[in-house]
Amino acid sequence: MNTETSQPVIIEFIKVNKIYPPDVVALRDVSFSIRAGEMIFLTGISGAGKSTLLKLICAMEHPTKGLIDVQGRELTSINPAEMQLLRQKIGMAYQDFKLLPNLTVYQNIAMPMEVTYTSNRTIKDRINYLLDLLNLTDKKHIRAGKLSRGEQQRAALARAAANYPPILLADEPTGNL
């Protein structure tokens, strides 16, 4: 079976442009498709548009021109309620982590599960699994602001993966490891 065509397209860019004022071109005529199950690594020099592309997928920014489709939804035409549901299907680990420094590692990872009303038992089991996987078990009750940059990166990856998102994005995931 050819896996390239057997899985649905979950992210598609068609002739996407992103221009920041006054005239900084971040992306020009970018087109690609990503199918379910694919693992894609985006590489390029600083300023090449990698982070911009991820922000566009998450609808944190909008394209200047072009079409972006994520999980069958064209991002510029969906309402806020649909956008909220779509964002629950995307796990994002940010370059600057975006952990809440006064919360513990456990609390930071639990947040995306709590907003989807996941049971406390499931939250506990999932967090323990992720902490073990990422070698952070001994940091569970430490405030995120007290962690090293590498530990913060791993905690951010755990939070991004907490809800089993069908789409997992990571901006510079190995930059601090």
Foldseek 3Di string as FASTA:
>chain_A
DDPVPPFDWFKWWAQFWAADPPGRTQDGGDTDTDGQPDDDDDDDDPSNNPVVVVCCQLVVDDTPDTWIHGRRRTVVPDDPVVSVVSNLLEQEQEPQRPFDQQAFLLVRLCVSVVVVVHDPVLSVVLLCVLCVVLVNNVRRRPGLNPDAPLSSLSSSQSSSPSSVRSHYYYDPSPVRD
